Structure formats: structure tokens, C-alpha cells
Amino acid sequence: MNRLFKQIITTTKPLTSHSTPNPTNPSSIFPLTPQDLAFLPNPQPSNFSSDAISIEKAIDSTPNNTQWDETQGVLRNYREKPDVGLVSNVLKIVKNRDLGVKFFIWAGRQVGYRHGAAAHHAVIEMVGGGDRRMPDEVLREVREGDDGDEVLGELMNVLVRKCCRNGKWGLALEELGRLKDFGYKASRATYNVLVRVFLDADQVDSARLVYDEMVGKGVRMDEGVLGCFVFRLCKTGEWRDALELIEKEGVHVNVELWMKMIMGLCEASLLDEAMEFLGRMRCGSCIPNVDTYQVLVRTCLRKGRPGLC
């Protein structure tokens, strides 16, 4: 098992199944349940193009996998038409999972075509990935059919991020380990999503472990994730670590970053430190915005210190 996965498992706090969103928390999330999305219609063939429907019929009418060569003969009529939208739509309506994977591989080999995020998401959903472990045989088949040895790496990066967005952070780490076992590297987007999902789950120590690996590989944090990180650190009273993190990332501390840190300090009831950060903000020629003042005023009133208002 991947070393990062082991470290995070031993440092992770238990998660509750439900949490109350905090309107002052910039990283609070509102998870959706399947019931919340029940109003969405299931994809129906009538919603797709005639090309998508024709390709799906050709695939699903293949008697067995051994006659795939004959199906490819039919698909040659569409060699100049593949685009991400067509490929993803076919994968959404195809019924034979194994042949759907073969179609995904076939499309990736066509000249001038490159799988985009929509196609990756479609094939992952088709085989049930993102909510449970991606079947090993699917990953091996994609790798064996990948002439340029890039498709599987891109697919698994999307898979890790999809697991994160589905709230399956443990599964995301497992798939990250498999990505590395296959010899691929996690992308900047993948690392940032992993850090963000741990911060949203209030797993700061786990986020640190992922960030340490990012630093070792020379991967930078997105500004939005950095803002979420410093907020969490300040919220737990680790404001010195927050400043050190910003310095390590080598970014200019703008209004948004100052505000996130001040908000975190206010959440931690560290009002004196929050006022000190306001002074640092001004000294850095950064003008506080109305949100910054509102957070400080509310905290002053809540703590019974109206004189500071």
C-alpha cells in the first residue's frame, strides 16, 4: 500500500456523516445525496445524436468480444468524426461495459483526437469507478491499448479527482497509490483536489502530508486551495504555520489571503491576533475590504469588546 495512504490513515480523525455548513467558513461544502439529484432524468438514446446512437447500436450488437474486429470495421466510417462530446455520449448509452472500454481505446487511437475530461468521466462512470475501486482488468486493458502510454495516466488522475468530489477520499488515496504503481505521476490538479478535500473534511494533518509530497515533487498549490489551507491553520491557532506556508509558496499576500487568515483567527476567538493581522495587512499596503471589517466587527461584538469596533 502507498506510504502516503498509510500515513494519512494513521493521522486521520473520524468523519461524521453530516455536518452543518458554516456561512463564515470559506471552505464549507454542501454535499448532495442521490435523493437530491433524483429529479435529473436518466440519459435516453433520444437525447443523443444519430451518430452516437448508430455507434452504440454497432457496439451492443457485437455478439461477443472476439468479433470486435468486425465492429471496428463499422467504426471506420466514423474515424474522422470522433470528438469528446461524441465519445462521451456513446459511453453514456452503451450497454456492454467491456466493449465500451474497447471503444474508448479505439477512439483514443484516432488521428487528431485526444480524450478530454468528459470522455474520461464517462468511461469511469460506465465501469462504476469513483464510488468503488476501478476494476484492475479495465486499467490493464486501457494501458495495453495505449500506444502513447499517456491515456491511462490521464484517466487515473481524473479518477482520483472524481473520488474526491464524490467524498470518497479513502478511495481517492487508494487510486492515487495505484496510479503511482503503474508508473504515472499525479498532476497538479489532482494534488490540489486532494489537499482541498482533506481541508474540507477538517483533516489538516492529512492535508499536510499530501502537501509535503507536493513540495517534494515541485508542485505548487492553487491560490484558492492555499487560502483554504491558511484559513484552517489560523482556525486551529497555527497562524505562524500559515505565514510560513505562504512564504514557502512564494506568493504575494493579497486581500483575499489576509481575509482568510483573519477569518480563521476570528473563528478561533483569537481576536488580538486578528487585529494584529489587520495591522500587518495595512503595513503591507493592502487595503482591507468590507468583508474583512464585517468579520472583525461581528467577532468584537460576540466577544463583548465593542470598544474595538
C-alpha atoms as a PDB file:
ATOM      1  CA  MET A   1       0.000   0.000   0.000  1.00  0.00           C
ATOM      2  CA  ASN A   2       1.196   3.508  -0.799  1.00  0.00           C
ATOM      3  CA  ARG A   3       3.218   5.130   2.038  1.00  0.00           C
ATOM      4  CA  LEU A   4       1.211   8.363   1.861  1.00  0.00           C
ATOM      5  CA  PHE A   5      -2.010   6.347   2.234  1.00  0.00           C
ATOM      6  CA  LYS A   6      -0.628   4.610   5.357  1.00  0.00           C
ATOM      7  CA  GLN A   7       0.462   7.896   6.918  1.00  0.00           C
ATOM      8  CA  ILE A   8      -2.897   9.547   6.327  1.00  0.00           C
ATOM      9  CA  ILE A   9      -4.877   6.582   7.651  1.00  0.00           C
ATOM     10  CA  THR A  10      -2.946   6.750  10.928  1.00  0.00           C
ATOM     11  CA  THR A  11      -3.390  10.509  11.338  1.00  0.00           C
ATOM     12  CA  THR A  12      -6.963  10.937  10.145  1.00  0.00           C
ATOM     13  CA  LYS A  13      -9.749  11.788  12.556  1.00  0.00           C
ATOM     14  CA  PRO A  14     -13.126  10.060  12.171  1.00  0.00           C
ATOM     15  CA  LEU A  15     -15.596  11.870   9.948  1.00  0.00           C
ATOM     16  CA  THR A  16     -19.203  12.429  10.777  1.00  0.00           C
ATOM     17  CA  SER A  17     -21.777  11.578   8.142  1.00  0.00           C
ATOM     18  CA  HIS A  18     -23.378  15.010   8.322  1.00  0.00           C
ATOM     19  CA  SER A  19     -22.030  18.426   9.128  1.00  0.00           C
ATOM     20  CA  THR A  20     -23.649  21.801   9.491  1.00  0.00           C
ATOM     21  CA  PRO A  21     -22.357  24.307   6.897  1.00  0.00           C
ATOM     22  CA  ASN A  22     -20.772  27.386   8.432  1.00  0.00           C
ATOM     23  CA  PRO A  23     -21.555  30.552   6.440  1.00  0.00           C
ATOM     24  CA  THR A  24     -18.337  32.208   7.675  1.00  0.00           C
ATOM     25  CA  ASN A  25     -16.244  29.237   6.582  1.00  0.00           C
ATOM     26  CA  PRO A  26     -14.856  29.798   3.057  1.00  0.00           C
ATOM     27  CA  SER A  27     -14.332  26.084   2.536  1.00  0.00           C
ATOM     28  CA  SER A  28     -17.642  24.748   3.850  1.00  0.00           C
ATOM     29  CA  ILE A  29     -19.324  22.337   1.467  1.00  0.00           C
ATOM     30  CA  PHE A  30     -22.908  21.215   0.938  1.00  0.00           C
ATOM     31  CA  PRO A  31     -22.858  17.527  -0.048  1.00  0.00           C
ATOM     32  CA  LEU A  32     -25.638  16.298  -2.300  1.00  0.00           C
ATOM     33  CA  THR A  33     -27.309  12.952  -1.759  1.00  0.00           C
ATOM     34  CA  PRO A  34     -28.690  10.760  -4.568  1.00  0.00           C
ATOM     35  CA  GLN A  35     -32.174  11.814  -3.427  1.00  0.00           C
ATOM     36  CA  ASP A  36     -31.251  15.462  -4.026  1.00  0.00           C
ATOM     37  CA  LEU A  37     -30.471  14.578  -7.658  1.00  0.00           C
ATOM     38  CA  ALA A  38     -33.456  12.297  -8.228  1.00  0.00           C
ATOM     39  CA  PHE A  39     -35.182  14.931 -10.364  1.00  0.00           C
ATOM     40  CA  LEU A  40     -32.463  14.622 -13.040  1.00  0.00           C
ATOM     41  CA  PRO A  41     -33.525  12.409 -15.958  1.00  0.00           C
ATOM     42  CA  ASN A  42     -31.540   9.317 -16.856  1.00  0.00           C
ATOM     43  CA  PRO A  43     -29.776   9.565 -20.229  1.00  0.00           C
ATOM     44  CA  GLN A  44     -32.013   8.294 -23.017  1.00  0.00           C
ATOM     45  CA  PRO A  45     -30.877   7.497 -26.562  1.00  0.00           C
ATOM     46  CA  SER A  46     -33.291  10.091 -27.930  1.00  0.00           C
ATOM     47  CA  ASN A  47     -31.228  12.793 -26.228  1.00  0.00           C
ATOM     48  CA  PHE A  48     -28.142  11.946 -28.272  1.00  0.00           C
ATOM     49  CA  SER A  49     -27.013  12.457 -31.851  1.00  0.00           C
ATOM     50  CA  SER A  50     -27.738   9.961 -34.591  1.00  0.00           C
ATOM     51  CA  ASP A  51     -24.001   9.195 -34.819  1.00  0.00           C
ATOM     52  CA  ALA A  52     -23.838   8.359 -31.094  1.00  0.00           C
ATOM     53  CA  ILE A  53     -26.883   6.102 -31.380  1.00  0.00           C
ATOM     54  CA  SER A  54     -25.540   4.358 -34.506  1.00  0.00           C
ATOM     55  CA  ILE A  55     -22.178   3.695 -32.854  1.00  0.00           C
ATOM     56  CA  GLU A  56     -23.872   2.391 -29.695  1.00  0.00           C
ATOM     57  CA  LYS A  57     -26.009   0.001 -31.757  1.00  0.00           C
ATOM     58  CA  ALA A  58     -22.951  -1.259 -33.626  1.00  0.00           C
ATOM     59  CA  ILE A  59     -21.128  -1.880 -30.327  1.00  0.00           C
ATOM     60  CA  ASP A  60     -24.003  -3.502 -28.443  1.00  0.00           C
ATOM     61  CA  SER A  61     -24.929  -5.711 -31.403  1.00  0.00           C
ATOM     62  CA  THR A  62     -21.468  -7.324 -31.340  1.00  0.00           C
ATOM     63  CA  PRO A  63     -22.129 -10.955 -30.320  1.00  0.00           C
ATOM     64  CA  ASN A  64     -19.008 -11.304 -28.203  1.00  0.00           C
ATOM     65  CA  ASN A  65     -15.629  -9.723 -27.625  1.00  0.00           C
ATOM     66  CA  THR A  66     -13.941 -11.987 -30.150  1.00  0.00           C
ATOM     67  CA  GLN A  67     -15.809 -10.303 -33.005  1.00  0.00           C
ATOM     68  CA  TRP A  68     -14.670  -6.804 -32.046  1.00  0.00           C
ATOM     69  CA  ASP A  69     -12.586  -6.643 -35.234  1.00  0.00           C
ATOM     70  CA  GLU A  70     -15.801  -6.736 -37.259  1.00  0.00           C
ATOM     71  CA  THR A  71     -17.254  -3.902 -35.163  1.00  0.00           C
ATOM     72  CA  GLN A  72     -14.134  -1.832 -35.811  1.00  0.00           C
ATOM     73  CA  GLY A  73     -14.894  -2.210 -39.499  1.00  0.00           C
ATOM     74  CA  VAL A  74     -18.182  -0.396 -38.898  1.00  0.00           C
ATOM     75  CA  LEU A  75     -16.487   2.207 -36.712  1.00  0.00           C
ATOM     76  CA  ARG A  76     -14.118   3.115 -39.561  1.00  0.00           C
ATOM     77  CA  ASN A  77     -16.995   5.104 -41.026  1.00  0.00           C
ATOM     78  CA  TYR A  78     -16.672   7.448 -38.031  1.00  0.00           C
ATOM     79  CA  ARG A  79     -12.869   7.761 -37.902  1.00  0.00           C
ATOM     80  CA  GLU A  80     -12.959  11.414 -38.948  1.00  0.00           C
ATOM     81  CA  LYS A  81     -15.858  12.305 -36.630  1.00  0.00           C
ATOM     82  CA  PRO A  82     -14.646  11.488 -33.093  1.00  0.00           C
ATOM     83  CA  ASP A  83     -14.762  14.389 -30.693  1.00  0.00           C
ATOM     84  CA  VAL A  84     -15.009  14.413 -26.915  1.00  0.00           C
ATOM     85  CA  GLY A  85     -18.757  15.017 -26.989  1.00  0.00           C
ATOM     86  CA  LEU A  86     -19.483  12.103 -29.339  1.00  0.00           C
ATOM     87  CA  VAL A  87     -17.216   9.681 -27.483  1.00  0.00           C
ATOM     88  CA  SER A  88     -18.586  10.602 -24.053  1.00  0.00           C
ATOM     89  CA  ASN A  89     -22.187  10.297 -25.296  1.00  0.00           C
ATOM     90  CA  VAL A  90     -21.564   6.835 -26.724  1.00  0.00           C
ATOM     91  CA  LEU A  91     -20.046   5.738 -23.417  1.00  0.00           C
ATOM     92  CA  LYS A  92     -23.110   7.040 -21.569  1.00  0.00           C
ATOM     93  CA  ILE A  93     -25.553   4.876 -23.507  1.00  0.00           C
ATOM     94  CA  VAL A  94     -23.532   1.771 -24.420  1.00  0.00           C
ATOM     95  CA  LYS A  95     -24.773  -1.297 -22.538  1.00  0.00           C
ATOM     96  CA  ASN A  96     -21.811  -3.671 -22.911  1.00  0.00           C
ATOM     97  CA  ARG A  97     -19.159  -2.415 -20.490  1.00  0.00           C
ATOM     98  CA  ASP A  98     -16.310  -4.497 -21.920  1.00  0.00           C
ATOM     99  CA  LEU A  99     -16.985  -3.338 -25.462  1.00  0.00           C
ATOM    100  CA  GLY A 100     -17.443   0.217 -24.210  1.00  0.00           C
ATOM    101  CA  VAL A 101     -13.870   0.096 -22.891  1.00  0.00           C
ATOM    102  CA  LYS A 102     -12.682  -1.189 -26.261  1.00  0.00           C
ATOM    103  CA  PHE A 103     -14.473   1.720 -27.955  1.00  0.00           C
ATOM    104  CA  PHE A 104     -12.778   4.160 -25.557  1.00  0.00           C
ATOM    105  CA  ILE A 105      -9.396   2.689 -26.537  1.00  0.00           C
ATOM    106  CA  TRP A 106     -10.308   2.725 -30.248  1.00  0.00           C
ATOM    107  CA  ALA A 107     -11.313   6.391 -30.102  1.00  0.00           C
ATOM    108  CA  GLY A 108      -8.073   7.326 -28.345  1.00  0.00           C
ATOM    109  CA  ARG A 109      -6.085   5.882 -31.242  1.00  0.00           C
ATOM    110  CA  GLN A 110      -7.761   8.016 -33.915  1.00  0.00           C
ATOM    111  CA  VAL A 111      -5.597  10.651 -35.569  1.00  0.00           C
ATOM    112  CA  GLY A 112      -6.343  14.186 -34.371  1.00  0.00           C
ATOM    113  CA  TYR A 113      -8.427  13.061 -31.409  1.00  0.00           C
ATOM    114  CA  ARG A 114      -7.463  13.292 -27.728  1.00  0.00           C
ATOM    115  CA  HIS A 115      -9.648  12.240 -24.806  1.00  0.00           C
ATOM    116  CA  GLY A 116     -10.939  15.147 -22.736  1.00  0.00           C
ATOM    117  CA  ALA A 117     -12.318  15.231 -19.202  1.00  0.00           C
ATOM    118  CA  ALA A 118     -15.865  14.418 -20.375  1.00  0.00           C
ATOM    119  CA  ALA A 119     -14.736  11.186 -22.047  1.00  0.00           C
ATOM    120  CA  HIS A 120     -12.673  10.199 -19.001  1.00  0.00           C
ATOM    121  CA  HIS A 121     -15.615  10.831 -16.676  1.00  0.00           C
ATOM    122  CA  ALA A 122     -17.948   8.869 -18.956  1.00  0.00           C
ATOM    123  CA  VAL A 123     -15.785   5.741 -19.073  1.00  0.00           C
ATOM    124  CA  ILE A 124     -15.188   5.910 -15.299  1.00  0.00           C
ATOM    125  CA  GLU A 125     -18.934   6.096 -14.651  1.00  0.00           C
ATOM    126  CA  MET A 126     -19.596   3.316 -17.152  1.00  0.00           C
ATOM    127  CA  VAL A 127     -17.407   0.865 -15.210  1.00  0.00           C
ATOM    128  CA  GLY A 128     -18.520   2.106 -11.781  1.00  0.00           C
ATOM    129  CA  GLY A 129     -15.362   3.954 -10.810  1.00  0.00           C
ATOM    130  CA  GLY A 130     -15.371   6.948  -8.495  1.00  0.00           C
ATOM    131  CA  ASP A 131     -17.657   5.279  -5.956  1.00  0.00           C
ATOM    132  CA  ARG A 132     -15.823   1.973  -5.784  1.00  0.00           C
ATOM    133  CA  ARG A 133     -12.439   0.601  -6.831  1.00  0.00           C
ATOM    134  CA  MET A 134     -11.825   0.750 -10.574  1.00  0.00           C
ATOM    135  CA  PRO A 135     -11.608  -2.827 -11.942  1.00  0.00           C
ATOM    136  CA  ASP A 136      -7.986  -3.925 -12.449  1.00  0.00           C
ATOM    137  CA  GLU A 137      -8.782  -5.559 -15.781  1.00  0.00           C
ATOM    138  CA  VAL A 138     -10.115  -2.266 -17.154  1.00  0.00           C
ATOM    139  CA  LEU A 139      -6.959  -0.371 -16.194  1.00  0.00           C
ATOM    140  CA  ARG A 140      -4.732  -3.093 -17.673  1.00  0.00           C
ATOM    141  CA  GLU A 141      -6.702  -3.149 -20.916  1.00  0.00           C
ATOM    142  CA  VAL A 142      -6.505   0.647 -21.267  1.00  0.00           C
ATOM    143  CA  ARG A 143      -2.768   0.532 -20.645  1.00  0.00           C
ATOM    144  CA  GLU A 144      -2.183  -2.298 -23.124  1.00  0.00           C
ATOM    145  CA  GLY A 145      -4.218  -0.473 -25.771  1.00  0.00           C
ATOM    146  CA  ASP A 146      -2.492   2.873 -25.202  1.00  0.00           C
ATOM    147  CA  ASP A 147       0.110   3.370 -27.926  1.00  0.00           C
ATOM    148  CA  GLY A 148       1.461   6.594 -26.431  1.00  0.00           C
ATOM    149  CA  ASP A 149       1.309   5.371 -22.798  1.00  0.00           C
ATOM    150  CA  GLU A 150      -0.482   8.572 -21.739  1.00  0.00           C
ATOM    151  CA  VAL A 151      -4.198   7.743 -21.697  1.00  0.00           C
ATOM    152  CA  LEU A 152      -4.114   5.625 -18.525  1.00  0.00           C
ATOM    153  CA  GLY A 153      -2.172   8.270 -16.590  1.00  0.00           C
ATOM    154  CA  GLU A 154      -4.677  10.953 -17.572  1.00  0.00           C
ATOM    155  CA  LEU A 155      -7.618   8.623 -16.846  1.00  0.00           C
ATOM    156  CA  MET A 156      -6.359   7.758 -13.364  1.00  0.00           C
ATOM    157  CA  ASN A 157      -5.736  11.397 -12.491  1.00  0.00           C
ATOM    158  CA  VAL A 158      -9.348  12.145 -13.397  1.00  0.00           C
ATOM    159  CA  LEU A 159     -10.390   9.079 -11.384  1.00  0.00           C
ATOM    160  CA  VAL A 160      -8.629  10.320  -8.232  1.00  0.00           C
ATOM    161  CA  ARG A 161     -10.270  13.728  -8.546  1.00  0.00           C
ATOM    162  CA  LYS A 162     -13.670  12.125  -9.159  1.00  0.00           C
ATOM    163  CA  CYS A 163     -13.304  10.046  -5.984  1.00  0.00           C
ATOM    164  CA  CYS A 164     -12.535  13.242  -4.077  1.00  0.00           C
ATOM    165  CA  ARG A 165     -15.576  15.037  -5.451  1.00  0.00           C
ATOM    166  CA  ASN A 166     -17.729  12.029  -4.525  1.00  0.00           C
ATOM    167  CA  GLY A 167     -16.473  12.330  -0.939  1.00  0.00           C
ATOM    168  CA  LYS A 168     -14.540   9.054  -1.209  1.00  0.00           C
ATOM    169  CA  TRP A 169     -11.196  10.394   0.000  1.00  0.00           C
ATOM    170  CA  GLY A 170     -10.005   6.972   1.228  1.00  0.00           C
ATOM    171  CA  LEU A 171     -10.710   5.502  -2.209  1.00  0.00           C
ATOM    172  CA  ALA A 172      -9.012   8.529  -3.789  1.00  0.00           C
ATOM    173  CA  LEU A 173      -5.810   7.728  -1.887  1.00  0.00           C
ATOM    174  CA  GLU A 174      -6.033   4.088  -2.909  1.00  0.00           C
ATOM    175  CA  GLU A 175      -6.409   5.041  -6.573  1.00  0.00           C
ATOM    176  CA  LEU A 176      -3.533   7.522  -6.177  1.00  0.00           C
ATOM    177  CA  GLY A 177      -1.386   4.648  -4.938  1.00  0.00           C
ATOM    178  CA  ARG A 178      -2.343   2.546  -7.959  1.00  0.00           C
ATOM    179  CA  LEU A 179      -1.588   5.484 -10.261  1.00  0.00           C
ATOM    180  CA  LYS A 180       1.955   5.552  -8.860  1.00  0.00           C
ATOM    181  CA  ASP A 181       2.245   1.763  -9.001  1.00  0.00           C
ATOM    182  CA  PHE A 182       1.532   1.973 -12.744  1.00  0.00           C
ATOM    183  CA  GLY A 183       4.440   4.414 -13.019  1.00  0.00           C
ATOM    184  CA  TYR A 184       2.486   7.628 -13.556  1.00  0.00           C
ATOM    185  CA  LYS A 185       2.630  10.964 -11.731  1.00  0.00           C
ATOM    186  CA  ALA A 186      -0.217  12.785 -10.071  1.00  0.00           C
ATOM    187  CA  SER A 187      -0.966  16.083 -11.786  1.00  0.00           C
ATOM    188  CA  ARG A 188      -1.047  19.472 -10.089  1.00  0.00           C
ATOM    189  CA  ALA A 189      -4.844  19.478 -10.315  1.00  0.00           C
ATOM    190  CA  THR A 190      -5.018  16.064  -8.637  1.00  0.00           C
ATOM    191  CA  TYR A 191      -2.796  17.083  -5.734  1.00  0.00           C
ATOM    192  CA  ASN A 192      -4.743  20.306  -5.223  1.00  0.00           C
ATOM    193  CA  VAL A 193      -8.083  18.491  -5.169  1.00  0.00           C
ATOM    194  CA  LEU A 194      -6.698  16.015  -2.611  1.00  0.00           C
ATOM    195  CA  VAL A 195      -5.482  18.813  -0.334  1.00  0.00           C
ATOM    196  CA  ARG A 196      -8.799  20.624  -0.656  1.00  0.00           C
ATOM    197  CA  VAL A 197     -10.923  17.574   0.150  1.00  0.00           C
ATOM    198  CA  PHE A 198      -8.933  16.934   3.337  1.00  0.00           C
ATOM    199  CA  LEU A 199      -9.243  20.565   4.369  1.00  0.00           C
ATOM    200  CA  ASP A 200     -12.994  20.469   3.729  1.00  0.00           C
ATOM    201  CA  ALA A 201     -13.143  17.352   5.917  1.00  0.00           C
ATOM    202  CA  ASP A 202     -11.164  19.176   8.637  1.00  0.00           C
ATOM    203  CA  GLN A 203      -8.278  16.724   8.229  1.00  0.00           C
ATOM    204  CA  VAL A 204      -5.454  19.271   8.403  1.00  0.00           C
ATOM    205  CA  ASP A 205      -2.729  16.739   9.264  1.00  0.00           C
ATOM    206  CA  SER A 206      -3.654  14.644   6.227  1.00  0.00           C
ATOM    207  CA  ALA A 207      -3.603  17.757   4.053  1.00  0.00           C
ATOM    208  CA  ARG A 208      -0.099  18.485   5.350  1.00  0.00           C
ATOM    209  CA  LEU A 209       1.084  15.027   4.314  1.00  0.00           C
ATOM    210  CA  VAL A 210      -0.241  15.499   0.783  1.00  0.00           C
ATOM    211  CA  TYR A 211       1.300  18.966   0.633  1.00  0.00           C
ATOM    212  CA  ASP A 212       4.681  17.629   1.785  1.00  0.00           C
ATOM    213  CA  GLU A 213       4.603  15.201  -1.135  1.00  0.00           C
ATOM    214  CA  MET A 214       3.689  18.078  -3.460  1.00  0.00           C
ATOM    215  CA  VAL A 215       6.687  20.075  -2.259  1.00  0.00           C
ATOM    216  CA  GLY A 216       8.955  17.087  -2.816  1.00  0.00           C
ATOM    217  CA  LYS A 217       7.773  16.893  -6.421  1.00  0.00           C
ATOM    218  CA  GLY A 218       7.924  20.644  -7.042  1.00  0.00           C
ATOM    219  CA  VAL A 219       4.137  21.015  -7.384  1.00  0.00           C
ATOM    220  CA  ARG A 220       2.577  24.350  -6.428  1.00  0.00           C
ATOM    221  CA  MET A 221      -0.742  24.950  -4.698  1.00  0.00           C
ATOM    222  CA  ASP A 222      -3.575  26.824  -6.382  1.00  0.00           C
ATOM    223  CA  GLU A 223      -4.331  30.157  -4.725  1.00  0.00           C
ATOM    224  CA  GLY A 224      -7.841  29.061  -3.754  1.00  0.00           C
ATOM    225  CA  VAL A 225      -6.511  25.925  -2.030  1.00  0.00           C
ATOM    226  CA  LEU A 226      -3.810  27.987  -0.341  1.00  0.00           C
ATOM    227  CA  GLY A 227      -6.481  30.341   1.009  1.00  0.00           C
ATOM    228  CA  CYS A 228      -8.437  27.407   2.377  1.00  0.00           C
ATOM    229  CA  PHE A 229      -5.280  25.978   3.947  1.00  0.00           C
ATOM    230  CA  VAL A 230      -4.264  29.170   5.771  1.00  0.00           C
ATOM    231  CA  PHE A 231      -7.848  29.608   6.992  1.00  0.00           C
ATOM    232  CA  ARG A 232      -7.772  26.149   8.542  1.00  0.00           C
ATOM    233  CA  LEU A 233      -4.368  26.723  10.120  1.00  0.00           C
ATOM    234  CA  CYS A 234      -5.429  30.034  11.634  1.00  0.00           C
ATOM    235  CA  LYS A 235      -8.669  28.462  12.842  1.00  0.00           C
ATOM    236  CA  THR A 236      -6.608  25.975  14.866  1.00  0.00           C
ATOM    237  CA  GLY A 237      -4.319  28.751  16.185  1.00  0.00           C
ATOM    238  CA  GLU A 238      -1.411  27.817  13.907  1.00  0.00           C
ATOM    239  CA  TRP A 239      -1.112  31.259  12.337  1.00  0.00           C
ATOM    240  CA  ARG A 240       2.686  31.108  12.276  1.00  0.00           C
ATOM    241  CA  ASP A 241       2.446  27.977  10.139  1.00  0.00           C
ATOM    242  CA  ALA A 242       0.019  29.826   7.874  1.00  0.00           C
ATOM    243  CA  LEU A 243       2.518  32.647   7.312  1.00  0.00           C
ATOM    244  CA  GLU A 244       5.303  30.122   6.767  1.00  0.00           C
ATOM    245  CA  LEU A 245       3.175  28.272   4.216  1.00  0.00           C
ATOM    246  CA  ILE A 246       2.574  31.465   2.252  1.00  0.00           C
ATOM    247  CA  GLU A 247       6.288  32.250   2.322  1.00  0.00           C
ATOM    248  CA  LYS A 248       7.127  28.734   1.165  1.00  0.00           C
ATOM    249  CA  GLU A 249       4.729  29.079  -1.758  1.00  0.00           C
ATOM    250  CA  GLY A 250       6.318  32.423  -2.656  1.00  0.00           C
ATOM    251  CA  VAL A 251       3.044  34.214  -3.348  1.00  0.00           C
ATOM    252  CA  HIS A 252       2.077  37.836  -2.723  1.00  0.00           C
ATOM    253  CA  VAL A 253      -0.323  38.127   0.202  1.00  0.00           C
ATOM    254  CA  ASN A 254      -3.362  39.805  -1.327  1.00  0.00           C
ATOM    255  CA  VAL A 255      -6.630  40.951   0.259  1.00  0.00           C
ATOM    256  CA  GLU A 256      -8.233  37.515  -0.064  1.00  0.00           C
ATOM    257  CA  LEU A 257      -5.402  35.689   1.711  1.00  0.00           C
ATOM    258  CA  TRP A 258      -5.303  38.255   4.538  1.00  0.00           C
ATOM    259  CA  MET A 259      -9.071  37.978   4.898  1.00  0.00           C
ATOM    260  CA  LYS A 260      -8.960  34.161   5.060  1.00  0.00           C
ATOM    261  CA  MET A 261      -6.356  34.293   7.826  1.00  0.00           C
ATOM    262  CA  ILE A 262      -8.269  36.946   9.781  1.00  0.00           C
ATOM    263  CA  MET A 263     -11.466  34.918   9.419  1.00  0.00           C
ATOM    264  CA  GLY A 264      -9.661  31.856  10.738  1.00  0.00           C
ATOM    265  CA  LEU A 265      -8.337  33.737  13.743  1.00  0.00           C
ATOM    266  CA  CYS A 266     -11.807  35.086  14.469  1.00  0.00           C
ATOM    267  CA  GLU A 267     -13.211  31.561  14.278  1.00  0.00           C
ATOM    268  CA  ALA A 268     -10.586  30.547  16.844  1.00  0.00           C
ATOM    269  CA  SER A 269     -11.585  33.520  19.053  1.00  0.00           C
ATOM    270  CA  LEU A 270      -8.044  34.911  18.702  1.00  0.00           C
ATOM    271  CA  LEU A 271      -9.226  38.491  18.414  1.00  0.00           C
ATOM    272  CA  ASP A 272      -5.960  40.144  19.450  1.00  0.00           C
ATOM    273  CA  GLU A 273      -4.070  38.152  16.817  1.00  0.00           C
ATOM    274  CA  ALA A 274      -6.754  39.037  14.253  1.00  0.00           C
ATOM    275  CA  MET A 275      -6.291  42.741  14.999  1.00  0.00           C
ATOM    276  CA  GLU A 276      -2.534  42.278  14.683  1.00  0.00           C
ATOM    277  CA  PHE A 277      -3.046  40.722  11.251  1.00  0.00           C
ATOM    278  CA  LEU A 278      -5.179  43.711  10.288  1.00  0.00           C
ATOM    279  CA  GLY A 279      -2.190  45.901  11.163  1.00  0.00           C
ATOM    280  CA  ARG A 280       0.141  43.692   9.122  1.00  0.00           C
ATOM    281  CA  MET A 281      -2.272  43.934   6.248  1.00  0.00           C
ATOM    282  CA  ARG A 282      -2.217  47.723   6.302  1.00  0.00           C
ATOM    283  CA  CYS A 283       1.572  47.840   6.667  1.00  0.00           C
ATOM    284  CA  GLY A 284       1.827  45.695   3.572  1.00  0.00           C
ATOM    285  CA  SER A 285      -0.029  48.364   1.576  1.00  0.00           C
ATOM    286  CA  CYS A 286      -3.056  46.081   1.324  1.00  0.00           C
ATOM    287  CA  ILE A 287      -6.370  47.848   1.889  1.00  0.00           C
ATOM    288  CA  PRO A 288      -8.887  45.783   3.904  1.00  0.00           C
ATOM    289  CA  ASN A 289     -12.218  45.221   2.196  1.00  0.00           C
ATOM    290  CA  VAL A 290     -15.702  45.429   3.694  1.00  0.00           C
ATOM    291  CA  ASP A 291     -15.826  41.671   4.369  1.00  0.00           C
ATOM    292  CA  THR A 292     -12.693  41.891   6.497  1.00  0.00           C
ATOM    293  CA  TYR A 293     -14.154  44.673   8.636  1.00  0.00           C
ATOM    294  CA  GLN A 294     -17.511  42.921   8.974  1.00  0.00           C
ATOM    295  CA  VAL A 295     -15.859  39.743  10.271  1.00  0.00           C
ATOM    296  CA  LEU A 296     -13.838  41.738  12.805  1.00  0.00           C
ATOM    297  CA  VAL A 297     -16.822  43.805  13.984  1.00  0.00           C
ATOM    298  CA  ARG A 298     -19.013  40.725  14.437  1.00  0.00           C
ATOM    299  CA  THR A 299     -16.267  38.980  16.404  1.00  0.00           C
ATOM    300  CA  CYS A 300     -15.684  42.044  18.617  1.00  0.00           C
ATOM    301  CA  LEU A 301     -19.390  42.229  19.464  1.00  0.00           C
ATOM    302  CA  ARG A 302     -19.627  38.500  20.073  1.00  0.00           C
ATOM    303  CA  LYS A 303     -16.663  38.618  22.435  1.00  0.00           C
ATOM    304  CA  GLY A 304     -18.008  41.579  24.384  1.00  0.00           C
ATOM    305  CA  ARG A 305     -15.368  44.035  23.178  1.00  0.00           C
ATOM    306  CA  PRO A 306     -17.394  46.772  21.466  1.00  0.00           C
ATOM    307  CA  GLY A 307     -14.629  49.289  22.089  1.00  0.00           C
ATOM    308  CA  LEU A 308     -12.554  47.705  19.333  1.00  0.00           C
ATOM    309  CA  CYS A 309     -15.386  48.194  16.857  1.00  0.00           C
END
